[in-house]
PDB file of all heavy atoms in Angstrom:
ATOM      1  N   ALA A   1      -7.500  12.172 -14.316  1.00  0.00           N
ATOM      2  CA  ALA A   1      -7.600  11.715 -12.928  1.00  0.00           C
ATOM      3  C   ALA A   1      -7.585  12.896 -11.966  1.00  0.00           C
ATOM      4  O   ALA A   1      -8.348  12.936 -11.007  1.00  0.00           O
ATOM      5  CB  ALA A   1      -6.465  10.754 -12.606  1.00  0.00           C
ATOM      6  N   ALA A   2      -6.729  13.866 -12.211  1.00  0.00           N
ATOM      7  CA  ALA A   2      -6.626  15.030 -11.334  1.00  0.00           C
ATOM      8  C   ALA A   2      -7.876  15.892 -11.410  1.00  0.00           C
ATOM      9  O   ALA A   2      -8.253  16.531 -10.435  1.00  0.00           O
ATOM     10  CB  ALA A   2      -5.394  15.855 -11.695  1.00  0.00           C
ATOM     11  N   ALA A   3      -8.533  15.918 -12.570  1.00  0.00           N
ATOM     12  CA  ALA A   3      -9.731  16.729 -12.737  1.00  0.00           C
ATOM     13  C   ALA A   3     -10.883  16.187 -11.912  1.00  0.00           C
ATOM     14  O   ALA A   3     -11.704  16.940 -11.406  1.00  0.00           O
ATOM     15  CB  ALA A   3     -10.112  16.804 -14.204  1.00  0.00           C
ATOM     16  N   ALA A   4     -10.983  14.868 -11.768  1.00  0.00           N
ATOM     17  CA  ALA A   4     -12.079  14.262 -11.012  1.00  0.00           C
ATOM     18  C   ALA A   4     -11.980  14.657  -9.534  1.00  0.00           C
ATOM     19  O   ALA A   4     -12.873  15.269  -8.985  1.00  0.00           O
ATOM     20  CB  ALA A   4     -12.050  12.758 -11.176  1.00  0.00           C
ATOM     21  N   ASP A   5     -10.948  14.287  -8.874  1.00  0.00           N
ATOM     22  CA  ASP A   5     -10.670  14.642  -7.485  1.00  0.00           C
ATOM     23  C   ASP A   5      -9.165  14.524  -7.315  1.00  0.00           C
ATOM     24  O   ASP A   5      -8.604  13.454  -7.536  1.00  0.00           O
ATOM     25  CB  ASP A   5     -11.387  13.693  -6.533  1.00  0.00           C
ATOM     26  CG  ASP A   5     -11.090  14.001  -5.063  1.00  0.00           C
ATOM     27  OD1 ASP A   5     -10.128  14.736  -4.768  1.00  0.00           O
ATOM     28  OD2 ASP A   5     -11.818  13.494  -4.209  1.00  0.00           O
ATOM     29  N   PRO A   6      -8.518  15.588  -6.943  1.00  0.00           N
ATOM     30  CA  PRO A   6      -7.064  15.552  -6.879  1.00  0.00           C
ATOM     31  C   PRO A   6      -6.501  14.524  -5.889  1.00  0.00           C
ATOM     32  O   PRO A   6      -5.345  14.153  -5.986  1.00  0.00           O
ATOM     33  CB  PRO A   6      -6.664  16.968  -6.486  1.00  0.00           C
ATOM     34  CG  PRO A   6      -7.892  17.680  -6.128  1.00  0.00           C
ATOM     35  CD  PRO A   6      -9.053  16.893  -6.609  1.00  0.00           C
ATOM     36  N   PHE A   7      -7.329  14.032  -4.969  1.00  0.00           N
ATOM     37  CA  PHE A   7      -6.846  13.074  -3.986  1.00  0.00           C
ATOM     38  C   PHE A   7      -7.293  11.643  -4.267  1.00  0.00           C
ATOM     39  O   PHE A   7      -6.983  10.735  -3.492  1.00  0.00           O
ATOM     40  CB  PHE A   7      -7.264  13.502  -2.577  1.00  0.00           C
ATOM     41  CG  PHE A   7      -6.626  14.795  -2.155  1.00  0.00           C
ATOM     42  CD1 PHE A   7      -7.350  15.970  -2.174  1.00  0.00           C
ATOM     43  CD2 PHE A   7      -5.298  14.840  -1.770  1.00  0.00           C
ATOM     44  CE1 PHE A   7      -6.760  17.171  -1.802  1.00  0.00           C
ATOM     45  CE2 PHE A   7      -4.699  16.035  -1.398  1.00  0.00           C
ATOM     46  CZ  PHE A   7      -5.435  17.198  -1.415  1.00  0.00           C
ATOM     47  N   ASP A   8      -7.995  11.405  -5.382  1.00  0.00           N
ATOM     48  CA  ASP A   8      -8.447  10.052  -5.721  1.00  0.00           C
ATOM     49  C   ASP A   8      -7.292   9.074  -5.866  1.00  0.00           C
ATOM     50  O   ASP A   8      -7.374   7.935  -5.412  1.00  0.00           O
ATOM     51  CB  ASP A   8      -9.260  10.055  -7.015  1.00  0.00           C
ATOM     52  CG  ASP A   8     -10.718  10.400  -6.786  1.00  0.00           C
ATOM     53  OD1 ASP A   8     -11.138  10.490  -5.615  1.00  0.00           O
ATOM     54  OD2 ASP A   8     -11.441  10.585  -7.786  1.00  0.00           O
ATOM     55  N   ARG A   9      -6.230   9.502  -6.511  1.00  0.00           N
ATOM     56  CA  ARG A   9      -5.085   8.596  -6.714  1.00  0.00           C
ATOM     57  C   ARG A   9      -4.454   8.205  -5.388  1.00  0.00           C
ATOM     58  O   ARG A   9      -4.066   7.053  -5.187  1.00  0.00           O
ATOM     59  CB  ARG A   9      -4.052   9.238  -7.624  1.00  0.00           C
ATOM     60  CG  ARG A   9      -4.575   9.379  -9.061  1.00  0.00           C
ATOM     61  CD  ARG A   9      -3.548   9.955  -9.975  1.00  0.00           C
ATOM     62  NE  ARG A   9      -2.470   8.976 -10.125  1.00  0.00           N
ATOM     63  CZ  ARG A   9      -1.337   9.209 -10.761  1.00  0.00           C
ATOM     64  NH1 ARG A   9      -1.125  10.379 -11.311  1.00  0.00           N
ATOM     65  NH2 ARG A   9      -0.417   8.282 -10.865  1.00  0.00           N
ATOM     66  N   ALA A  10      -4.355   9.140  -4.447  1.00  0.00           N
ATOM     67  CA  ALA A  10      -3.783   8.838  -3.135  1.00  0.00           C
ATOM     68  C   ALA A  10      -4.686   7.866  -2.379  1.00  0.00           C
ATOM     69  O   ALA A  10      -4.194   6.913  -1.761  1.00  0.00           O
ATOM     70  CB  ALA A  10      -3.582  10.120  -2.333  1.00  0.00           C
ATOM     71  N   ALA A  11      -5.992   8.081  -2.420  1.00  0.00           N
ATOM     72  CA  ALA A  11      -6.927   7.185  -1.731  1.00  0.00           C
ATOM     73  C   ALA A  11      -6.869   5.780  -2.323  1.00  0.00           C
ATOM     74  O   ALA A  11      -6.856   4.788  -1.582  1.00  0.00           O
ATOM     75  CB  ALA A  11      -8.342   7.744  -1.819  1.00  0.00           C
ATOM     76  N   PHE A  12      -6.813   5.689  -3.649  1.00  0.00           N
ATOM     77  CA  PHE A  12      -6.724   4.386  -4.311  1.00  0.00           C
ATOM     78  C   PHE A  12      -5.415   3.690  -3.942  1.00  0.00           C
ATOM     79  O   PHE A  12      -5.391   2.488  -3.641  1.00  0.00           O
ATOM     80  CB  PHE A  12      -6.840   4.552  -5.824  1.00  0.00           C
ATOM     81  CG  PHE A  12      -6.717   3.263  -6.581  1.00  0.00           C
ATOM     82  CD1 PHE A  12      -7.744   2.338  -6.568  1.00  0.00           C
ATOM     83  CD2 PHE A  12      -5.569   2.972  -7.284  1.00  0.00           C
ATOM     84  CE1 PHE A  12      -7.634   1.136  -7.266  1.00  0.00           C
ATOM     85  CE2 PHE A  12      -5.433   1.777  -7.972  1.00  0.00           C
ATOM     86  CZ  PHE A  12      -6.472   0.853  -7.961  1.00  0.00           C
ATOM     87  N   PHE A  13      -4.321   4.433  -3.934  1.00  0.00           N
ATOM     88  CA  PHE A  13      -3.025   3.856  -3.596  1.00  0.00           C
ATOM     89  C   PHE A  13      -3.026   3.336  -2.162  1.00  0.00           C
ATOM     90  O   PHE A  13      -2.509   2.250  -1.883  1.00  0.00           O
ATOM     91  CB  PHE A  13      -1.896   4.871  -3.795  1.00  0.00           C
ATOM     92  CG  PHE A  13      -0.551   4.290  -3.496  1.00  0.00           C
ATOM     93  CD1 PHE A  13       0.114   3.528  -4.444  1.00  0.00           C
ATOM     94  CD2 PHE A  13       0.045   4.473  -2.260  1.00  0.00           C
ATOM     95  CE1 PHE A  13       1.351   2.955  -4.158  1.00  0.00           C
ATOM     96  CE2 PHE A  13       1.279   3.905  -1.972  1.00  0.00           C
ATOM     97  CZ  PHE A  13       1.934   3.146  -2.927  1.00  0.00           C
ATOM     98  N   LEU A  14      -3.608   4.093  -1.227  1.00  0.00           N
ATOM     99  CA  LEU A  14      -3.660   3.660   0.168  1.00  0.00           C
ATOM    100  C   LEU A  14      -4.445   2.356   0.285  1.00  0.00           C
ATOM    101  O   LEU A  14      -4.026   1.430   0.988  1.00  0.00           O
ATOM    102  CB  LEU A  14      -4.284   4.739   1.052  1.00  0.00           C
ATOM    103  CG  LEU A  14      -4.460   4.358   2.525  1.00  0.00           C
ATOM    104  CD1 LEU A  14      -3.135   3.995   3.180  1.00  0.00           C
ATOM    105  CD2 LEU A  14      -5.149   5.488   3.270  1.00  0.00           C
ATOM    106  N   THR A  15      -5.560   2.268  -0.410  1.00  0.00           N
ATOM    107  CA  THR A  15      -6.354   1.032  -0.400  1.00  0.00           C
ATOM    108  C   THR A  15      -5.540  -0.146  -0.924  1.00  0.00           C
ATOM    109  O   THR A  15      -5.555  -1.232  -0.334  1.00  0.00           O
ATOM    110  CB  THR A  15      -7.632   1.217  -1.239  1.00  0.00           C
ATOM    111  OG1 THR A  15      -8.380   2.309  -0.692  1.00  0.00           O
ATOM    112  CG2 THR A  15      -8.483  -0.030  -1.238  1.00  0.00           C
ATOM    113  N   CYS A  16      -4.795   0.076  -1.998  1.00  0.00           N
ATOM    114  CA  CYS A  16      -3.953  -0.985  -2.570  1.00  0.00           C
ATOM    115  C   CYS A  16      -2.832  -1.379  -1.615  1.00  0.00           C
ATOM    116  O   CYS A  16      -2.499  -2.564  -1.490  1.00  0.00           O
ATOM    117  CB  CYS A  16      -3.371  -0.549  -3.911  1.00  0.00           C
ATOM    118  SG  CYS A  16      -4.594  -0.407  -5.218  1.00  0.00           S
ATOM    119  N   LEU A  17      -2.248  -0.406  -0.942  1.00  0.00           N
ATOM    120  CA  LEU A  17      -1.168  -0.682   0.008  1.00  0.00           C
ATOM    121  C   LEU A  17      -1.683  -1.517   1.173  1.00  0.00           C
ATOM    122  O   LEU A  17      -1.057  -2.503   1.578  1.00  0.00           O
ATOM    123  CB  LEU A  17      -0.551   0.628   0.506  1.00  0.00           C
ATOM    124  CG  LEU A  17       0.590   0.510   1.506  1.00  0.00           C
ATOM    125  CD1 LEU A  17       1.765  -0.259   0.906  1.00  0.00           C
ATOM    126  CD2 LEU A  17       1.026   1.894   1.960  1.00  0.00           C
ATOM    127  N   ILE A  18      -2.835  -1.149   1.709  1.00  0.00           N
ATOM    128  CA  ILE A  18      -3.437  -1.917   2.803  1.00  0.00           C
ATOM    129  C   ILE A  18      -3.741  -3.339   2.340  1.00  0.00           C
ATOM    130  O   ILE A  18      -3.454  -4.310   3.044  1.00  0.00           O
ATOM    131  CB  ILE A  18      -4.704  -1.213   3.334  1.00  0.00           C
ATOM    132  CG1 ILE A  18      -4.314   0.082   4.049  1.00  0.00           C
ATOM    133  CG2 ILE A  18      -5.494  -2.135   4.260  1.00  0.00           C
ATOM    134  CD1 ILE A  18      -5.486   0.976   4.391  1.00  0.00           C
ATOM    135  N   ASP A  19      -4.290  -3.454   1.138  1.00  0.00           N
ATOM    136  CA  ASP A  19      -4.590  -4.776   0.582  1.00  0.00           C
ATOM    137  C   ASP A  19      -3.319  -5.611   0.455  1.00  0.00           C
ATOM    138  O   ASP A  19      -3.293  -6.786   0.812  1.00  0.00           O
ATOM    139  CB  ASP A  19      -5.272  -4.620  -0.781  1.00  0.00           C
ATOM    140  CG  ASP A  19      -5.637  -5.948  -1.386  1.00  0.00           C
ATOM    141  OD1 ASP A  19      -6.425  -6.693  -0.769  1.00  0.00           O
ATOM    142  OD2 ASP A  19      -5.119  -6.260  -2.490  1.00  0.00           O
ATOM    143  N   SER A  20      -2.261  -4.997  -0.037  1.00  0.00           N
ATOM    144  CA  SER A  20      -0.994  -5.697  -0.224  1.00  0.00           C
ATOM    145  C   SER A  20      -0.420  -6.189   1.104  1.00  0.00           C
ATOM    146  O   SER A  20       0.077  -7.317   1.204  1.00  0.00           O
ATOM    147  CB  SER A  20       0.009  -4.771  -0.906  1.00  0.00           C
ATOM    148  OG  SER A  20       1.275  -5.351  -0.952  1.00  0.00           O
ATOM    149  N   LEU A  21      -0.491  -5.356   2.131  1.00  0.00           N
ATOM    150  CA  LEU A  21       0.040  -5.742   3.444  1.00  0.00           C
ATOM    151  C   LEU A  21      -0.865  -6.731   4.179  1.00  0.00           C
ATOM    152  O   LEU A  21      -0.434  -7.365   5.143  1.00  0.00           O
ATOM    153  CB  LEU A  21       0.265  -4.495   4.302  1.00  0.00           C
ATOM    154  CG  LEU A  21       1.353  -3.542   3.802  1.00  0.00           C
ATOM    155  CD1 LEU A  21       1.340  -2.250   4.595  1.00  0.00           C
ATOM    156  CD2 LEU A  21       2.712  -4.204   3.840  1.00  0.00           C
ATOM    157  N   SER A  22      -2.108  -6.873   3.719  1.00  0.00           N
ATOM    158  CA  SER A  22      -3.067  -7.776   4.348  1.00  0.00           C
ATOM    159  C   SER A  22      -3.106  -9.157   3.722  1.00  0.00           C
ATOM    160  O   SER A  22      -3.731 -10.061   4.265  1.00  0.00           O
ATOM    161  CB  SER A  22      -4.475  -7.174   4.270  1.00  0.00           C
ATOM    162  OG  SER A  22      -4.517  -5.924   4.879  1.00  0.00           O
ATOM    163  N   ARG A  23      -2.490  -9.325   2.578  1.00  0.00           N
ATOM    164  CA  ARG A  23      -2.541 -10.611   1.864  1.00  0.00           C
ATOM    165  C   ARG A  23      -1.848 -11.705   2.674  1.00  0.00           C
ATOM    166  O   ARG A  23      -0.883 -11.446   3.390  1.00  0.00           O
ATOM    167  CB  ARG A  23      -1.874 -10.487   0.506  1.00  0.00           C
ATOM    168  CG  ARG A  23      -2.656  -9.604  -0.434  1.00  0.00           C
ATOM    169  CD  ARG A  23      -1.913  -9.453  -1.741  1.00  0.00           C
ATOM    170  NE  ARG A  23      -2.623  -8.507  -2.557  1.00  0.00           N
ATOM    171  CZ  ARG A  23      -3.253  -8.837  -3.677  1.00  0.00           C
ATOM    172  NH1 ARG A  23      -3.208 -10.062  -4.121  1.00  0.00           N
ATOM    173  NH2 ARG A  23      -3.895  -7.928  -4.354  1.00  0.00           N
ATOM    174  N   PRO A  24      -2.331 -12.930   2.520  1.00  0.00           N
ATOM    175  CA  PRO A  24      -1.711 -14.052   3.247  1.00  0.00           C
ATOM    176  C   PRO A  24      -0.216 -14.183   2.957  1.00  0.00           C
ATOM    177  O   PRO A  24       0.567 -14.477   3.878  1.00  0.00           O
ATOM    178  CB  PRO A  24      -2.475 -15.276   2.738  1.00  0.00           C
ATOM    179  CG  PRO A  24      -3.790 -14.741   2.280  1.00  0.00           C
ATOM    180  CD  PRO A  24      -3.509 -13.353   1.775  1.00  0.00           C
ATOM    181  N   GLU A  25       0.203 -13.947   1.719  1.00  0.00           N
ATOM    182  CA  GLU A  25       1.632 -14.071   1.411  1.00  0.00           C
ATOM    183  C   GLU A  25       2.472 -13.002   2.111  1.00  0.00           C
ATOM    184  O   GLU A  25       3.644 -13.218   2.400  1.00  0.00           O
ATOM    185  CB  GLU A  25       1.894 -14.085  -0.098  1.00  0.00           C
ATOM    186  CG  GLU A  25       1.290 -12.959  -0.878  1.00  0.00           C
ATOM    187  CD  GLU A  25      -0.128 -13.216  -1.388  1.00  0.00           C
ATOM    188  OE1 GLU A  25      -0.798 -14.157  -0.946  1.00  0.00           O
ATOM    189  OE2 GLU A  25      -0.560 -12.429  -2.236  1.00  0.00           O
ATOM    190  N   ALA A  26       1.873 -11.845   2.414  1.00  0.00           N
ATOM    191  CA  ALA A  26       2.603 -10.801   3.135  1.00  0.00           C
ATOM    192  C   ALA A  26       2.878 -11.230   4.573  1.00  0.00           C
ATOM    193  O   ALA A  26       3.881 -10.838   5.169  1.00  0.00           O
ATOM    194  CB  ALA A  26       1.832  -9.491   3.110  1.00  0.00           C
ATOM    195  N   LEU A  27       1.989 -12.063   5.116  1.00  0.00           N
ATOM    196  CA  LEU A  27       2.176 -12.534   6.492  1.00  0.00           C
ATOM    197  C   LEU A  27       3.361 -13.486   6.612  1.00  0.00           C
ATOM    198  O   LEU A  27       3.856 -13.729   7.711  1.00  0.00           O
ATOM    199  CB  LEU A  27       0.894 -13.225   6.978  1.00  0.00           C
ATOM    200  CG  LEU A  27      -0.342 -12.320   7.045  1.00  0.00           C
ATOM    201  CD1 LEU A  27      -1.569 -13.141   7.406  1.00  0.00           C
ATOM    202  CD2 LEU A  27      -0.132 -11.186   8.018  1.00  0.00           C
ATOM    203  N   LEU A  28       3.814 -14.014   5.489  1.00  0.00           N
ATOM    204  CA  LEU A  28       4.948 -14.938   5.493  1.00  0.00           C
ATOM    205  C   LEU A  28       6.286 -14.242   5.252  1.00  0.00           C
ATOM    206  O   LEU A  28       7.330 -14.874   5.378  1.00  0.00           O
ATOM    207  CB  LEU A  28       4.731 -16.018   4.425  1.00  0.00           C
ATOM    208  CG  LEU A  28       3.452 -16.855   4.582  1.00  0.00           C
ATOM    209  CD1 LEU A  28       3.274 -17.774   3.383  1.00  0.00           C
ATOM    210  CD2 LEU A  28       3.468 -17.622   5.885  1.00  0.00           C
ATOM    211  N   LEU A  29       6.243 -12.976   4.903  1.00  0.00           N
ATOM    212  CA  LEU A  29       7.476 -12.238   4.614  1.00  0.00           C
ATOM    213  C   LEU A  29       8.229 -11.906   5.890  1.00  0.00           C
ATOM    214  O   LEU A  29       7.623 -11.724   6.954  1.00  0.00           O
ATOM    215  CB  LEU A  29       7.148 -10.939   3.877  1.00  0.00           C
ATOM    216  CG  LEU A  29       6.572 -11.072   2.470  1.00  0.00           C
ATOM    217  CD1 LEU A  29       6.145  -9.703   1.956  1.00  0.00           C
ATOM    218  CD2 LEU A  29       7.583 -11.700   1.541  1.00  0.00           C
ATOM    219  N   PRO A  30       9.552 -11.795   5.801  1.00  0.00           N
ATOM    220  CA  PRO A  30      10.315 -11.365   6.975  1.00  0.00           C
ATOM    221  C   PRO A  30       9.933  -9.927   7.366  1.00  0.00           C
ATOM    222  O   PRO A  30       9.536  -9.120   6.521  1.00  0.00           O
ATOM    223  CB  PRO A  30      11.772 -11.423   6.519  1.00  0.00           C
ATOM    224  CG  PRO A  30      11.781 -11.891   5.125  1.00  0.00           C
ATOM    225  CD  PRO A  30      10.385 -12.065   4.649  1.00  0.00           C
ATOM    226  N   HIS A  31      10.073  -9.639   8.641  1.00  0.00           N
ATOM    227  CA  HIS A  31       9.709  -8.326   9.175  1.00  0.00           C
ATOM    228  C   HIS A  31      10.373  -7.194   8.401  1.00  0.00           C
ATOM    229  O   HIS A  31       9.754  -6.171   8.091  1.00  0.00           O
ATOM    230  CB  HIS A  31      10.094  -8.270  10.657  1.00  0.00           C
ATOM    231  CG  HIS A  31       9.876  -6.932  11.268  1.00  0.00           C
ATOM    232  ND1 HIS A  31      10.870  -5.995  11.373  1.00  0.00           N
ATOM    233  CD2 HIS A  31       8.770  -6.357  11.783  1.00  0.00           C
ATOM    234  CE1 HIS A  31      10.390  -4.909  11.937  1.00  0.00           C
ATOM    235  NE2 HIS A  31       9.118  -5.099  12.205  1.00  0.00           N
ATOM    236  N   GLU A  32      11.664  -7.372   8.070  1.00  0.00           N
ATOM    237  CA  GLU A  32      12.395  -6.306   7.367  1.00  0.00           C
ATOM    238  C   GLU A  32      11.751  -5.987   6.021  1.00  0.00           C
ATOM    239  O   GLU A  32      11.687  -4.833   5.606  1.00  0.00           O
ATOM    240  CB  GLU A  32      13.859  -6.697   7.114  1.00  0.00           C
ATOM    241  CG  GLU A  32      14.645  -7.123   8.314  1.00  0.00           C
ATOM    242  CD  GLU A  32      14.429  -8.593   8.663  1.00  0.00           C
ATOM    243  OE1 GLU A  32      14.402  -9.472   7.774  1.00  0.00           O
ATOM    244  OE2 GLU A  32      14.276  -8.868   9.864  1.00  0.00           O
ATOM    245  N   ARG A  33      11.293  -7.011   5.334  1.00  0.00           N
ATOM    246  CA  ARG A  33      10.675  -6.814   4.011  1.00  0.00           C
ATOM    247  C   ARG A  33       9.339  -6.085   4.135  1.00  0.00           C
ATOM    248  O   ARG A  33       9.028  -5.189   3.357  1.00  0.00           O
ATOM    249  CB  ARG A  33      10.500  -8.176   3.320  1.00  0.00           C
ATOM    250  CG  ARG A  33       9.734  -8.116   2.030  1.00  0.00           C
ATOM    251  CD  ARG A  33      10.496  -7.324   0.951  1.00  0.00           C
ATOM    252  NE  ARG A  33       9.626  -7.037  -0.150  1.00  0.00           N
ATOM    253  CZ  ARG A  33       9.419  -7.850  -1.185  1.00  0.00           C
ATOM    254  NH1 ARG A  33      10.054  -8.993  -1.265  1.00  0.00           N
ATOM    255  NH2 ARG A  33       8.586  -7.503  -2.133  1.00  0.00           N
ATOM    256  N   VAL A  34       8.544  -6.463   5.130  1.00  0.00           N
ATOM    257  CA  VAL A  34       7.258  -5.799   5.354  1.00  0.00           C
ATOM    258  C   VAL A  34       7.494  -4.333   5.720  1.00  0.00           C
ATOM    259  O   VAL A  34       6.814  -3.430   5.221  1.00  0.00           O
ATOM    260  CB  VAL A  34       6.443  -6.515   6.452  1.00  0.00           C
ATOM    261  CG1 VAL A  34       5.163  -5.754   6.767  1.00  0.00           C
ATOM    262  CG2 VAL A  34       6.129  -7.937   6.031  1.00  0.00           C
ATOM    263  N   GLU A  35       8.485  -4.090   6.575  1.00  0.00           N
ATOM    264  CA  GLU A  35       8.808  -2.715   6.968  1.00  0.00           C
ATOM    265  C   GLU A  35       9.262  -1.899   5.757  1.00  0.00           C
ATOM    266  O   GLU A  35       8.853  -0.741   5.582  1.00  0.00           O
ATOM    267  CB  GLU A  35       9.899  -2.724   8.036  1.00  0.00           C
ATOM    268  CG  GLU A  35      10.207  -1.347   8.586  1.00  0.00           C
ATOM    269  CD  GLU A  35      11.235  -1.392   9.705  1.00  0.00           C
ATOM    270  OE1 GLU A  35      11.805  -2.460   9.981  1.00  0.00           O
ATOM    271  OE2 GLU A  35      11.456  -0.329  10.296  1.00  0.00           O
ATOM    272  N   GLU A  36      10.080  -2.494   4.912  1.00  0.00           N
ATOM    273  CA  GLU A  36      10.549  -1.812   3.699  1.00  0.00           C
ATOM    274  C   GLU A  36       9.384  -1.497   2.757  1.00  0.00           C
ATOM    275  O   GLU A  36       9.288  -0.385   2.235  1.00  0.00           O
ATOM    276  CB  GLU A  36      11.570  -2.698   2.984  1.00  0.00           C
ATOM    277  CG  GLU A  36      12.167  -2.080   1.738  1.00  0.00           C
ATOM    278  CD  GLU A  36      13.155  -3.034   1.080  1.00  0.00           C
ATOM    279  OE1 GLU A  36      14.011  -3.588   1.788  1.00  0.00           O
ATOM    280  OE2 GLU A  36      13.041  -3.222  -0.148  1.00  0.00           O
ATOM    281  N   ASP A  37       8.490  -2.465   2.556  1.00  0.00           N
ATOM    282  CA  ASP A  37       7.319  -2.236   1.699  1.00  0.00           C
ATOM    283  C   ASP A  37       6.426  -1.136   2.263  1.00  0.00           C
ATOM    284  O   ASP A  37       5.931  -0.273   1.524  1.00  0.00           O
ATOM    285  CB  ASP A  37       6.511  -3.527   1.529  1.00  0.00           C
ATOM    286  CG  ASP A  37       7.221  -4.557   0.679  1.00  0.00           C
ATOM    287  OD1 ASP A  37       8.254  -4.222   0.050  1.00  0.00           O
ATOM    288  OD2 ASP A  37       6.744  -5.714   0.646  1.00  0.00           O
ATOM    289  N   ALA A  38       6.209  -1.152   3.585  1.00  0.00           N
ATOM    290  CA  ALA A  38       5.376  -0.127   4.224  1.00  0.00           C
ATOM    291  C   ALA A  38       6.025   1.250   4.107  1.00  0.00           C
ATOM    292  O   ALA A  38       5.349   2.250   3.825  1.00  0.00           O
ATOM    293  CB  ALA A  38       5.135  -0.488   5.691  1.00  0.00           C
ATOM    294  N   GLU A  39       7.339   1.314   4.303  1.00  0.00           N
ATOM    295  CA  GLU A  39       8.052   2.591   4.204  1.00  0.00           C
ATOM    296  C   GLU A  39       7.995   3.152   2.779  1.00  0.00           C
ATOM    297  O   GLU A  39       7.715   4.337   2.580  1.00  0.00           O
ATOM    298  CB  GLU A  39       9.497   2.418   4.639  1.00  0.00           C
ATOM    299  CG  GLU A  39      10.279   3.720   4.659  1.00  0.00           C
ATOM    300  CD  GLU A  39      11.707   3.517   5.135  1.00  0.00           C
ATOM    301  OE1 GLU A  39      12.051   2.440   5.639  1.00  0.00           O
ATOM    302  OE2 GLU A  39      12.483   4.477   4.983  1.00  0.00           O
ATOM    303  N   ASN A  40       8.244   2.298   1.793  1.00  0.00           N
ATOM    304  CA  ASN A  40       8.169   2.743   0.398  1.00  0.00           C
ATOM    305  C   ASN A  40       6.753   3.171   0.036  1.00  0.00           C
ATOM    306  O   ASN A  40       6.553   4.170  -0.659  1.00  0.00           O
ATOM    307  CB  ASN A  40       8.652   1.640  -0.549  1.00  0.00           C
ATOM    308  CG  ASN A  40      10.141   1.419  -0.454  1.00  0.00           C
ATOM    309  OD1 ASN A  40      10.892   2.306  -0.070  1.00  0.00           O
ATOM    310  ND2 ASN A  40      10.569   0.217  -0.793  1.00  0.00           N
ATOM    311  N   GLY A  41       5.775   2.433   0.522  1.00  0.00           N
ATOM    312  CA  GLY A  41       4.386   2.791   0.261  1.00  0.00           C
ATOM    313  C   GLY A  41       4.013   4.116   0.906  1.00  0.00           C
ATOM    314  O   GLY A  41       3.309   4.934   0.312  1.00  0.00           O
ATOM    315  N   ALA A  42       4.488   4.329   2.123  1.00  0.00           N
ATOM    316  CA  ALA A  42       4.195   5.586   2.818  1.00  0.00           C
ATOM    317  C   ALA A  42       4.808   6.775   2.080  1.00  0.00           C
ATOM    318  O   ALA A  42       4.195   7.838   1.968  1.00  0.00           O
ATOM    319  CB  ALA A  42       4.718   5.528   4.248  1.00  0.00           C
TER     320      ALA A  42
END
């Protein structure tokens, strides 16, 4: 993975994080949980 592009994993992770925070079930989570998930993802 690192040989292809050293930043590919970070770009893929960011896409997954955005997807996770955009899901309908994420909209139902309490604010604290969303903030915690975003902080851990960051």
